[in-house]
Amino acid sequence: MPITKSRTEQEGERARGGQGVLYVVATPIGNPADITPRALEVLGGADIVACEDTRRAWLLLASHGIKKPLVSYYEHNEEKRIPELVERLRAGAKIALITDAGTPGISDPGFRLVRAAHREGVRVAAVPGASAMLAALSVAGIPTDRFTFEGFLPTRDSARRHALEALRAETRTMVFFEAARRLAETLAAMADVFGAGREATVVREATKIHEETIRATLGELAGIFASREALGEVTIVVDGAPAKAVASETGERQAVTIALLLESGLSLKQASAVVAKLTGRSRREVYNEALKAGHGGEREPGDADSEH
């Protein structure tokens, strides 16, 4: 159904004039006490609350004595809702965007409404708070100076493995969301691709009564969850690949590529130029490393003295 405005809202918007504000409001991921005073203030002062599930949003607001018009905004109706919400913002409305749990826009369609608001010159304000990703990182015991958020992996085995293969050389800590019913098979795939000895942490039901944090190797975690059922919301934090291992793997791949190019009839100089272009490395470095690896025989004077 289209969003309808009450007479009071219409009068309020005319009185305010100018642009409205889109507030991106974080809500608890489990423990209801984790909502911030500022979030309650913004929700209480909003004209509309755009939410993923109106029933869950109603319960949250009611528990704090807040009663506001609720508008559903989720992945399958966003195309219809965005123009309506942006029109309201341009008319001066204050809209609070919330998701079922955590911070809107993180692995959910909230970013599209935020992007549309920016395009229209509407002010967007963050009201930070709970985040399953940050909560898991804080208790994982794995380096957080650099990390990458990968969200949910594909559900099909082949597609999931392909996605993990692309991350095998990632040196940053990786954070994944996963459905509890797929946790065992995902951990097994991670152990196979990343190595059973790679350290990782599974955070289940963060901030809730049955919260559980298990830190072990991927092989150990795969074994643990293969023998028991996992329930609730799950976040997996995986240590990045060691830089030395990545360098070694890169060197091995480069050597194989050089060998194949030489077999195809290219000279070492030509093969080095191809690999340098593919990797973004210096041709001189590639050429000299190939010589050290025994490709191409003796160095020819001037072969790698300059870049082209």
C-alpha atoms as a PDB file:
ATOM      1  CA  MET A   1       0.000   0.000   0.000  1.00  0.00           C
ATOM      2  CA  PRO A   2       1.235   3.567  -0.677  1.00  0.00           C
ATOM      3  CA  ILE A   3       2.323   5.694   2.255  1.00  0.00           C
ATOM      4  CA  THR A   4      -0.499   7.987   3.375  1.00  0.00           C
ATOM      5  CA  LYS A   5       0.049  11.192   5.346  1.00  0.00           C
ATOM      6  CA  SER A   6      -2.122  12.280   8.224  1.00  0.00           C
ATOM      7  CA  ARG A   7      -3.315  15.896   8.363  1.00  0.00           C
ATOM      8  CA  THR A   8      -1.063  16.467  11.393  1.00  0.00           C
ATOM      9  CA  GLU A   9       1.967  15.189   9.485  1.00  0.00           C
ATOM     10  CA  GLN A  10       1.156  17.313   6.464  1.00  0.00           C
ATOM     11  CA  GLU A  11       0.848  20.412   8.614  1.00  0.00           C
ATOM     12  CA  GLY A  12       4.061  19.554  10.437  1.00  0.00           C
ATOM     13  CA  GLU A  13       5.960  19.150   7.183  1.00  0.00           C
ATOM     14  CA  ARG A  14       4.686  22.485   5.849  1.00  0.00           C
ATOM     15  CA  ALA A  15       5.619  24.186   9.108  1.00  0.00           C
ATOM     16  CA  ARG A  16       9.153  22.790   9.032  1.00  0.00           C
ATOM     17  CA  GLY A  17       9.719  23.465   5.349  1.00  0.00           C
ATOM     18  CA  GLY A  18      12.932  22.469   3.552  1.00  0.00           C
ATOM     19  CA  GLN A  19      14.522  19.042   3.486  1.00  0.00           C
ATOM     20  CA  GLY A  20      13.901  16.264   5.931  1.00  0.00           C
ATOM     21  CA  VAL A  21      16.412  13.902   7.495  1.00  0.00           C
ATOM     22  CA  LEU A  22      16.981  10.183   7.018  1.00  0.00           C
ATOM     23  CA  TYR A  23      18.266   8.688  10.263  1.00  0.00           C
ATOM     24  CA  VAL A  24      20.024   5.320   9.945  1.00  0.00           C
ATOM     25  CA  VAL A  25      19.340   3.843  13.367  1.00  0.00           C
ATOM     26  CA  ALA A  26      21.088   0.786  14.810  1.00  0.00           C
ATOM     27  CA  THR A  27      18.925  -1.459  16.994  1.00  0.00           C
ATOM     28  CA  PRO A  28      19.877  -4.363  19.308  1.00  0.00           C
ATOM     29  CA  ILE A  29      21.111  -7.621  17.769  1.00  0.00           C
ATOM     30  CA  GLY A  30      19.769  -9.614  20.695  1.00  0.00           C
ATOM     31  CA  ASN A  31      19.876  -7.989  24.110  1.00  0.00           C
ATOM     32  CA  PRO A  32      17.155  -5.288  24.165  1.00  0.00           C
ATOM     33  CA  ALA A  33      19.190  -3.233  26.639  1.00  0.00           C
ATOM     34  CA  ASP A  34      21.736  -2.497  23.897  1.00  0.00           C
ATOM     35  CA  ILE A  35      19.642   0.249  22.320  1.00  0.00           C
ATOM     36  CA  THR A  36      21.153   3.699  22.878  1.00  0.00           C
ATOM     37  CA  PRO A  37      19.415   6.719  24.452  1.00  0.00           C
ATOM     38  CA  ARG A  38      20.009   8.664  21.229  1.00  0.00           C
ATOM     39  CA  ALA A  39      18.366   5.921  19.163  1.00  0.00           C
ATOM     40  CA  LEU A  40      15.279   6.110  21.388  1.00  0.00           C
ATOM     41  CA  GLU A  41      15.253   9.900  21.080  1.00  0.00           C
ATOM     42  CA  VAL A  42      15.427   9.739  17.276  1.00  0.00           C
ATOM     43  CA  LEU A  43      12.780   7.023  17.046  1.00  0.00           C
ATOM     44  CA  GLY A  44      10.513   9.017  19.336  1.00  0.00           C
ATOM     45  CA  GLY A  45      10.910  12.139  17.218  1.00  0.00           C
ATOM     46  CA  ALA A  46      10.559  10.511  13.802  1.00  0.00           C
ATOM     47  CA  ASP A  47       7.524  11.054  11.571  1.00  0.00           C
ATOM     48  CA  ILE A  48       7.894   7.558  10.089  1.00  0.00           C
ATOM     49  CA  VAL A  49       9.882   4.461  10.934  1.00  0.00           C
ATOM     50  CA  ALA A  50      10.898   2.469   7.851  1.00  0.00           C
ATOM     51  CA  CYS A  51      11.554  -1.093   8.970  1.00  0.00           C
ATOM     52  CA  GLU A  52      12.284  -4.570   7.673  1.00  0.00           C
ATOM     53  CA  ASP A  53       9.447  -6.231   9.613  1.00  0.00           C
ATOM     54  CA  THR A  54       6.627  -4.064  10.994  1.00  0.00           C
ATOM     55  CA  ARG A  55       5.718  -6.652  13.651  1.00  0.00           C
ATOM     56  CA  ARG A  56       9.218  -6.770  15.120  1.00  0.00           C
ATOM     57  CA  ALA A  57       9.559  -3.000  14.888  1.00  0.00           C
ATOM     58  CA  TRP A  58       6.235  -2.531  16.692  1.00  0.00           C
ATOM     59  CA  LEU A  59       7.421  -4.753  19.552  1.00  0.00           C
ATOM     60  CA  LEU A  60      10.690  -2.821  19.839  1.00  0.00           C
ATOM     61  CA  LEU A  61       9.002   0.571  19.899  1.00  0.00           C
ATOM     62  CA  ALA A  62       6.187  -0.562  22.202  1.00  0.00           C
ATOM     63  CA  SER A  63       8.698  -1.876  24.735  1.00  0.00           C
ATOM     64  CA  HIS A  64       9.975   1.698  25.050  1.00  0.00           C
ATOM     65  CA  GLY A  65       6.585   3.380  24.984  1.00  0.00           C
ATOM     66  CA  ILE A  66       7.011   4.730  21.450  1.00  0.00           C
ATOM     67  CA  LYS A  67       4.148   4.759  18.942  1.00  0.00           C
ATOM     68  CA  LYS A  68       4.950   5.814  15.376  1.00  0.00           C
ATOM     69  CA  PRO A  69       3.651   5.071  11.857  1.00  0.00           C
ATOM     70  CA  LEU A  70       5.527   2.038  10.501  1.00  0.00           C
ATOM     71  CA  VAL A  71       6.337   1.460   6.830  1.00  0.00           C
ATOM     72  CA  SER A  72       7.754  -1.842   5.599  1.00  0.00           C
ATOM     73  CA  TYR A  73      11.014  -1.525   3.675  1.00  0.00           C
ATOM     74  CA  TYR A  74      12.784  -4.724   2.661  1.00  0.00           C
ATOM     75  CA  GLU A  75      14.535  -6.311  -0.290  1.00  0.00           C
ATOM     76  CA  HIS A  76      11.412  -7.190  -2.293  1.00  0.00           C
ATOM     77  CA  ASN A  77       9.540  -3.870  -2.013  1.00  0.00           C
ATOM     78  CA  GLU A  78      12.399  -1.383  -1.962  1.00  0.00           C
ATOM     79  CA  GLU A  79      11.940  -0.369  -5.605  1.00  0.00           C
ATOM     80  CA  LYS A  80       8.418   0.786  -4.819  1.00  0.00           C
ATOM     81  CA  ARG A  81       9.142   2.279  -1.405  1.00  0.00           C
ATOM     82  CA  ILE A  82      12.217   4.374  -2.208  1.00  0.00           C
ATOM     83  CA  PRO A  83      10.435   7.015  -4.360  1.00  0.00           C
ATOM     84  CA  GLU A  84       7.684   7.346  -1.746  1.00  0.00           C
ATOM     85  CA  LEU A  85      10.126   7.734   1.138  1.00  0.00           C
ATOM     86  CA  VAL A  86      12.361  10.154  -0.754  1.00  0.00           C
ATOM     87  CA  GLU A  87       9.314  12.290  -1.599  1.00  0.00           C
ATOM     88  CA  ARG A  88       8.489  12.458   2.097  1.00  0.00           C
ATOM     89  CA  LEU A  89      12.078  13.398   2.930  1.00  0.00           C
ATOM     90  CA  ARG A  90      12.067  16.175   0.362  1.00  0.00           C
ATOM     91  CA  ALA A  91       8.866  17.486   1.924  1.00  0.00           C
ATOM     92  CA  GLY A  92      10.606  17.775   5.291  1.00  0.00           C
ATOM     93  CA  ALA A  93       9.809  14.498   7.040  1.00  0.00           C
ATOM     94  CA  LYS A  94      12.094  12.882   9.571  1.00  0.00           C
ATOM     95  CA  ILE A  95      12.394   9.184   8.749  1.00  0.00           C
ATOM     96  CA  ALA A  96      14.127   6.598  10.920  1.00  0.00           C
ATOM     97  CA  LEU A  97      15.433   3.569   9.018  1.00  0.00           C
ATOM     98  CA  ILE A  98      15.869   0.392  11.068  1.00  0.00           C
ATOM     99  CA  THR A  99      16.463  -3.260  10.299  1.00  0.00           C
ATOM    100  CA  ASP A 100      15.352  -6.320  12.270  1.00  0.00           C
ATOM    101  CA  ALA A 101      18.621  -6.291  14.213  1.00  0.00           C
ATOM    102  CA  GLY A 102      21.853  -4.348  14.056  1.00  0.00           C
ATOM    103  CA  THR A 103      22.877  -1.555  11.718  1.00  0.00           C
ATOM    104  CA  PRO A 104      20.865  -0.858   8.534  1.00  0.00           C
ATOM    105  CA  GLY A 105      22.799  -1.014   5.288  1.00  0.00           C
ATOM    106  CA  ILE A 106      25.162  -3.745   6.512  1.00  0.00           C
ATOM    107  CA  SER A 107      24.325  -6.797   4.377  1.00  0.00           C
ATOM    108  CA  ASP A 108      20.782  -5.482   3.823  1.00  0.00           C
ATOM    109  CA  PRO A 109      19.043  -3.254   1.258  1.00  0.00           C
ATOM    110  CA  GLY A 110      19.091  -0.140   3.442  1.00  0.00           C
ATOM    111  CA  PHE A 111      22.035   1.270   1.484  1.00  0.00           C
ATOM    112  CA  ARG A 112      19.794   1.811  -1.561  1.00  0.00           C
ATOM    113  CA  LEU A 113      17.515   4.201   0.316  1.00  0.00           C
ATOM    114  CA  VAL A 114      20.566   5.963   1.740  1.00  0.00           C
ATOM    115  CA  ARG A 115      22.015   6.315  -1.764  1.00  0.00           C
ATOM    116  CA  ALA A 116      18.730   7.693  -3.115  1.00  0.00           C
ATOM    117  CA  ALA A 117      18.580  10.232  -0.284  1.00  0.00           C
ATOM    118  CA  HIS A 118      22.109  11.417  -1.038  1.00  0.00           C
ATOM    119  CA  ARG A 119      21.263  11.796  -4.726  1.00  0.00           C
ATOM    120  CA  GLU A 120      18.377  14.091  -3.802  1.00  0.00           C
ATOM    121  CA  GLY A 121      20.535  16.169  -1.489  1.00  0.00           C
ATOM    122  CA  VAL A 122      18.713  14.927   1.603  1.00  0.00           C
ATOM    123  CA  ARG A 123      20.635  14.884   4.863  1.00  0.00           C
ATOM    124  CA  VAL A 124      21.538  11.388   6.093  1.00  0.00           C
ATOM    125  CA  ALA A 125      22.549  10.952   9.734  1.00  0.00           C
ATOM    126  CA  ALA A 126      24.013   7.888  11.452  1.00  0.00           C
ATOM    127  CA  VAL A 127      22.718   6.799  14.840  1.00  0.00           C
ATOM    128  CA  PRO A 128      25.298   4.082  15.614  1.00  0.00           C
ATOM    129  CA  GLY A 129      24.910   1.158  17.929  1.00  0.00           C
ATOM    130  CA  ALA A 130      24.887  -2.640  17.788  1.00  0.00           C
ATOM    131  CA  SER A 131      26.533  -4.486  14.891  1.00  0.00           C
ATOM    132  CA  ALA A 132      26.915  -8.270  14.696  1.00  0.00           C
ATOM    133  CA  MET A 133      30.067  -7.866  12.606  1.00  0.00           C
ATOM    134  CA  LEU A 134      31.822  -5.568  15.078  1.00  0.00           C
ATOM    135  CA  ALA A 135      30.598  -7.545  18.072  1.00  0.00           C
ATOM    136  CA  ALA A 136      32.141 -10.721  16.620  1.00  0.00           C
ATOM    137  CA  LEU A 137      35.416  -9.001  15.744  1.00  0.00           C
ATOM    138  CA  SER A 138      35.719  -7.640  19.277  1.00  0.00           C
ATOM    139  CA  VAL A 139      35.595 -11.097  20.885  1.00  0.00           C
ATOM    140  CA  ALA A 140      37.315 -13.176  18.168  1.00  0.00           C
ATOM    141  CA  GLY A 141      40.891 -12.734  19.363  1.00  0.00           C
ATOM    142  CA  ILE A 142      42.007 -12.289  15.751  1.00  0.00           C
ATOM    143  CA  PRO A 143      43.796  -9.165  14.400  1.00  0.00           C
ATOM    144  CA  THR A 144      41.377  -6.349  13.524  1.00  0.00           C
ATOM    145  CA  ASP A 145      43.766  -3.672  12.226  1.00  0.00           C
ATOM    146  CA  ARG A 146      42.686  -4.706   8.726  1.00  0.00           C
ATOM    147  CA  PHE A 147      39.614  -6.769   7.895  1.00  0.00           C
ATOM    148  CA  THR A 148      37.149  -7.425   5.101  1.00  0.00           C
ATOM    149  CA  PHE A 149      33.426  -8.120   5.484  1.00  0.00           C
ATOM    150  CA  GLU A 150      32.226 -10.815   3.068  1.00  0.00           C
ATOM    151  CA  GLY A 151      28.614 -11.151   4.234  1.00  0.00           C
ATOM    152  CA  PHE A 152      26.830 -14.387   3.294  1.00  0.00           C
ATOM    153  CA  LEU A 153      28.592 -16.892   1.045  1.00  0.00           C
ATOM    154  CA  PRO A 154      26.683 -18.507  -1.854  1.00  0.00           C
ATOM    155  CA  THR A 155      24.507 -21.437  -0.783  1.00  0.00           C
ATOM    156  CA  ARG A 156      25.450 -23.810  -3.616  1.00  0.00           C
ATOM    157  CA  ASP A 157      28.546 -25.916  -2.929  1.00  0.00           C
ATOM    158  CA  SER A 158      30.356 -25.081  -6.169  1.00  0.00           C
ATOM    159  CA  ALA A 159      29.635 -21.350  -5.962  1.00  0.00           C
ATOM    160  CA  ARG A 160      30.661 -21.231  -2.304  1.00  0.00           C
ATOM    161  CA  ARG A 161      33.934 -22.987  -3.034  1.00  0.00           C
ATOM    162  CA  HIS A 162      34.629 -20.621  -5.925  1.00  0.00           C
ATOM    163  CA  ALA A 163      34.043 -17.628  -3.605  1.00  0.00           C
ATOM    164  CA  LEU A 164      36.391 -19.090  -0.976  1.00  0.00           C
ATOM    165  CA  GLU A 165      39.065 -19.874  -3.572  1.00  0.00           C
ATOM    166  CA  ALA A 166      39.036 -16.193  -4.544  1.00  0.00           C
ATOM    167  CA  LEU A 167      39.757 -15.323  -0.900  1.00  0.00           C
ATOM    168  CA  ARG A 168      42.463 -17.925  -0.249  1.00  0.00           C
ATOM    169  CA  ALA A 169      45.284 -15.383  -0.554  1.00  0.00           C
ATOM    170  CA  GLU A 170      43.451 -12.641   1.398  1.00  0.00           C
ATOM    171  CA  THR A 171      45.793 -11.470   4.165  1.00  0.00           C
ATOM    172  CA  ARG A 172      43.183  -9.411   6.024  1.00  0.00           C
ATOM    173  CA  THR A 173      40.918 -10.906   8.666  1.00  0.00           C
ATOM    174  CA  MET A 174      37.663 -12.031   7.031  1.00  0.00           C
ATOM    175  CA  VAL A 175      34.164 -11.785   8.535  1.00  0.00           C
ATOM    176  CA  PHE A 176      31.249 -13.872   7.255  1.00  0.00           C
ATOM    177  CA  PHE A 177      27.577 -14.198   8.164  1.00  0.00           C
ATOM    178  CA  GLU A 178      26.085 -17.683   7.884  1.00  0.00           C
ATOM    179  CA  ALA A 179      22.808 -19.432   8.510  1.00  0.00           C
ATOM    180  CA  ALA A 180      23.078 -21.911  11.379  1.00  0.00           C
ATOM    181  CA  ARG A 181      21.806 -24.780   9.208  1.00  0.00           C
ATOM    182  CA  ARG A 182      24.735 -24.324   6.805  1.00  0.00           C
ATOM    183  CA  LEU A 183      27.446 -23.709   9.409  1.00  0.00           C
ATOM    184  CA  ALA A 184      28.961 -27.207   9.410  1.00  0.00           C
ATOM    185  CA  GLU A 185      29.317 -27.437   5.626  1.00  0.00           C
ATOM    186  CA  THR A 186      30.674 -23.883   5.379  1.00  0.00           C
ATOM    187  CA  LEU A 187      33.339 -24.533   8.018  1.00  0.00           C
ATOM    188  CA  ALA A 188      34.301 -27.769   6.256  1.00  0.00           C
ATOM    189  CA  ALA A 189      34.675 -25.909   2.950  1.00  0.00           C
ATOM    190  CA  MET A 190      36.746 -23.186   4.643  1.00  0.00           C
ATOM    191  CA  ALA A 191      39.041 -25.787   6.214  1.00  0.00           C
ATOM    192  CA  ASP A 192      39.508 -27.423   2.822  1.00  0.00           C
ATOM    193  CA  VAL A 193      40.243 -24.189   0.929  1.00  0.00           C
ATOM    194  CA  PHE A 194      42.024 -22.074   3.565  1.00  0.00           C
ATOM    195  CA  GLY A 195      43.691 -24.975   5.372  1.00  0.00           C
ATOM    196  CA  ALA A 196      42.540 -26.892   8.436  1.00  0.00           C
ATOM    197  CA  GLY A 197      45.146 -25.112  10.588  1.00  0.00           C
ATOM    198  CA  ARG A 198      43.887 -21.571   9.887  1.00  0.00           C
ATOM    199  CA  GLU A 199      42.594 -19.902  13.077  1.00  0.00           C
ATOM    200  CA  ALA A 200      38.989 -18.778  13.239  1.00  0.00           C
ATOM    201  CA  THR A 201      36.221 -17.898  15.660  1.00  0.00           C
ATOM    202  CA  VAL A 202      32.526 -18.759  15.531  1.00  0.00           C
ATOM    203  CA  VAL A 203      30.242 -16.318  17.366  1.00  0.00           C
ATOM    204  CA  ARG A 204      26.711 -17.600  17.795  1.00  0.00           C
ATOM    205  CA  GLU A 205      23.726 -15.761  19.278  1.00  0.00           C
ATOM    206  CA  ALA A 206      25.824 -12.682  20.196  1.00  0.00           C
ATOM    207  CA  THR A 207      24.426 -10.715  23.179  1.00  0.00           C
ATOM    208  CA  LYS A 208      21.590 -13.238  23.650  1.00  0.00           C
ATOM    209  CA  ILE A 209      20.985 -15.685  26.510  1.00  0.00           C
ATOM    210  CA  HIS A 210      22.675 -18.602  24.718  1.00  0.00           C
ATOM    211  CA  GLU A 211      25.625 -16.605  23.370  1.00  0.00           C
ATOM    212  CA  GLU A 212      28.576 -18.793  22.410  1.00  0.00           C
ATOM    213  CA  THR A 213      32.066 -17.907  21.202  1.00  0.00           C
ATOM    214  CA  ILE A 214      34.410 -20.698  20.085  1.00  0.00           C
ATOM    215  CA  ARG A 215      37.951 -19.947  18.917  1.00  0.00           C
ATOM    216  CA  ALA A 216      39.914 -22.797  17.304  1.00  0.00           C
ATOM    217  CA  THR A 217      41.338 -23.880  13.958  1.00  0.00           C
ATOM    218  CA  LEU A 218      39.004 -24.263  11.008  1.00  0.00           C
ATOM    219  CA  GLY A 219      39.560 -28.011  11.090  1.00  0.00           C
ATOM    220  CA  GLU A 220      38.611 -28.189  14.765  1.00  0.00           C
ATOM    221  CA  LEU A 221      35.564 -25.967  14.282  1.00  0.00           C
ATOM    222  CA  ALA A 222      34.394 -28.059  11.336  1.00  0.00           C
ATOM    223  CA  GLY A 223      34.641 -31.147  13.536  1.00  0.00           C
ATOM    224  CA  ILE A 224      32.783 -29.510  16.430  1.00  0.00           C
ATOM    225  CA  PHE A 225      29.802 -28.409  14.361  1.00  0.00           C
ATOM    226  CA  ALA A 226      29.694 -31.585  12.274  1.00  0.00           C
ATOM    227  CA  SER A 227      28.683 -33.458  15.413  1.00  0.00           C
ATOM    228  CA  ARG A 228      26.114 -31.072  16.868  1.00  0.00           C
ATOM    229  CA  GLU A 229      23.326 -28.824  15.670  1.00  0.00           C
ATOM    230  CA  ALA A 230      23.886 -25.065  15.602  1.00  0.00           C
ATOM    231  CA  LEU A 231      21.038 -22.674  16.252  1.00  0.00           C
ATOM    232  CA  GLY A 232      20.576 -18.922  16.005  1.00  0.00           C
ATOM    233  CA  GLU A 233      22.506 -16.150  14.275  1.00  0.00           C
ATOM    234  CA  VAL A 234      26.122 -16.967  13.353  1.00  0.00           C
ATOM    235  CA  THR A 235      29.163 -14.856  12.501  1.00  0.00           C
ATOM    236  CA  ILE A 236      32.468 -16.431  11.461  1.00  0.00           C
ATOM    237  CA  VAL A 237      35.773 -14.569  11.814  1.00  0.00           C
ATOM    238  CA  VAL A 238      38.709 -16.108   9.923  1.00  0.00           C
ATOM    239  CA  ASP A 239      42.355 -15.125  10.239  1.00  0.00           C
ATOM    240  CA  GLY A 240      43.936 -13.870   7.026  1.00  0.00           C
ATOM    241  CA  ALA A 241      46.489 -15.832   5.029  1.00  0.00           C
ATOM    242  CA  PRO A 242      50.109 -15.444   6.228  1.00  0.00           C
ATOM    243  CA  ALA A 243      51.962 -12.991   3.997  1.00  0.00           C
ATOM    244  CA  LYS A 244      54.837 -15.469   3.485  1.00  0.00           C
ATOM    245  CA  ALA A 245      52.455 -18.171   2.328  1.00  0.00           C
ATOM    246  CA  VAL A 246      50.821 -15.761  -0.127  1.00  0.00           C
ATOM    247  CA  ALA A 247      54.230 -14.730  -1.490  1.00  0.00           C
ATOM    248  CA  SER A 248      55.232 -18.381  -1.848  1.00  0.00           C
ATOM    249  CA  GLU A 249      51.999 -19.288  -3.636  1.00  0.00           C
ATOM    250  CA  THR A 250      52.342 -16.259  -5.920  1.00  0.00           C
ATOM    251  CA  GLY A 251      55.899 -17.282  -6.766  1.00  0.00           C
ATOM    252  CA  GLU A 252      54.818 -20.829  -7.571  1.00  0.00           C
ATOM    253  CA  ARG A 253      52.039 -19.617  -9.859  1.00  0.00           C
ATOM    254  CA  GLN A 254      54.423 -17.227 -11.599  1.00  0.00           C
ATOM    255  CA  ALA A 255      56.934 -20.028 -12.174  1.00  0.00           C
ATOM    256  CA  VAL A 256      54.240 -22.256 -13.674  1.00  0.00           C
ATOM    257  CA  THR A 257      53.051 -19.432 -15.953  1.00  0.00           C
ATOM    258  CA  ILE A 258      56.610 -18.705 -17.125  1.00  0.00           C
ATOM    259  CA  ALA A 259      57.173 -22.397 -17.881  1.00  0.00           C
ATOM    260  CA  LEU A 260      53.956 -22.641 -19.906  1.00  0.00           C
ATOM    261  CA  LEU A 261      54.804 -19.524 -21.901  1.00  0.00           C
ATOM    262  CA  LEU A 262      58.298 -20.841 -22.641  1.00  0.00           C
ATOM    263  CA  GLU A 263      56.790 -24.143 -23.816  1.00  0.00           C
ATOM    264  CA  SER A 264      54.533 -22.183 -26.175  1.00  0.00           C
ATOM    265  CA  GLY A 265      57.606 -20.797 -27.921  1.00  0.00           C
ATOM    266  CA  LEU A 266      58.102 -17.397 -26.266  1.00  0.00           C
ATOM    267  CA  SER A 267      61.553 -16.268 -25.198  1.00  0.00           C
ATOM    268  CA  LEU A 268      62.242 -15.672 -21.507  1.00  0.00           C
ATOM    269  CA  LYS A 269      62.214 -11.939 -22.189  1.00  0.00           C
ATOM    270  CA  GLN A 270      58.807 -12.154 -23.862  1.00  0.00           C
ATOM    271  CA  ALA A 271      57.380 -14.455 -21.177  1.00  0.00           C
ATOM    272  CA  SER A 272      58.587 -12.105 -18.433  1.00  0.00           C
ATOM    273  CA  ALA A 273      56.907  -9.182 -20.157  1.00  0.00           C
ATOM    274  CA  VAL A 274      53.583 -11.083 -20.296  1.00  0.00           C
ATOM    275  CA  VAL A 275      53.728 -12.068 -16.594  1.00  0.00           C
ATOM    276  CA  ALA A 276      54.727  -8.540 -15.594  1.00  0.00           C
ATOM    277  CA  LYS A 277      51.713  -7.141 -17.429  1.00  0.00           C
ATOM    278  CA  LEU A 278      49.380  -9.669 -15.798  1.00  0.00           C
ATOM    279  CA  THR A 279      50.682  -9.100 -12.271  1.00  0.00           C
ATOM    280  CA  GLY A 280      51.602  -5.416 -12.378  1.00  0.00           C
ATOM    281  CA  ARG A 281      55.152  -6.259 -11.327  1.00  0.00           C
ATOM    282  CA  SER A 282      58.403  -5.027 -12.801  1.00  0.00           C
ATOM    283  CA  ARG A 283      59.536  -6.993 -15.882  1.00  0.00           C
ATOM    284  CA  ARG A 284      63.085  -6.872 -14.579  1.00  0.00           C
ATOM    285  CA  GLU A 285      62.052  -8.521 -11.292  1.00  0.00           C
ATOM    286  CA  VAL A 286      60.068 -11.223 -13.055  1.00  0.00           C
ATOM    287  CA  TYR A 287      62.924 -11.888 -15.493  1.00  0.00           C
ATOM    288  CA  ASN A 288      65.588 -12.114 -12.769  1.00  0.00           C
ATOM    289  CA  GLU A 289      63.427 -14.398 -10.617  1.00  0.00           C
ATOM    290  CA  ALA A 290      62.872 -16.674 -13.622  1.00  0.00           C
ATOM    291  CA  LEU A 291      66.634 -16.852 -14.186  1.00  0.00           C
ATOM    292  CA  LYS A 292      67.212 -17.794 -10.543  1.00  0.00           C
ATOM    293  CA  ALA A 293      64.570 -20.500 -10.901  1.00  0.00           C
ATOM    294  CA  GLY A 294      66.568 -21.993 -13.790  1.00  0.00           C
ATOM    295  CA  HIS A 295      64.541 -20.748 -16.740  1.00  0.00           C
ATOM    296  CA  GLY A 296      66.290 -19.433 -19.825  1.00  0.00           C
ATOM    297  CA  GLY A 297      69.898 -20.430 -19.168  1.00  0.00           C
ATOM    298  CA  GLU A 298      72.526 -17.705 -18.906  1.00  0.00           C
ATOM    299  CA  ARG A 299      71.575 -14.052 -18.693  1.00  0.00           C
ATOM    300  CA  GLU A 300      71.902 -12.266 -22.001  1.00  0.00           C
ATOM    301  CA  PRO A 301      73.481  -8.817 -21.686  1.00  0.00           C
ATOM    302  CA  GLY A 302      70.855  -6.098 -21.693  1.00  0.00           C
ATOM    303  CA  ASP A 303      67.904  -8.492 -21.569  1.00  0.00           C
ATOM    304  CA  ALA A 304      66.393  -7.043 -18.403  1.00  0.00           C
ATOM    305  CA  ASP A 305      68.277  -3.809 -17.988  1.00  0.00           C
ATOM    306  CA  SER A 306      65.413  -1.525 -18.820  1.00  0.00           C
ATOM    307  CA  GLU A 307      61.651  -1.312 -18.657  1.00  0.00           C
ATOM    308  CA  HIS A 308      59.542  -0.973 -21.810  1.00  0.00           C
END
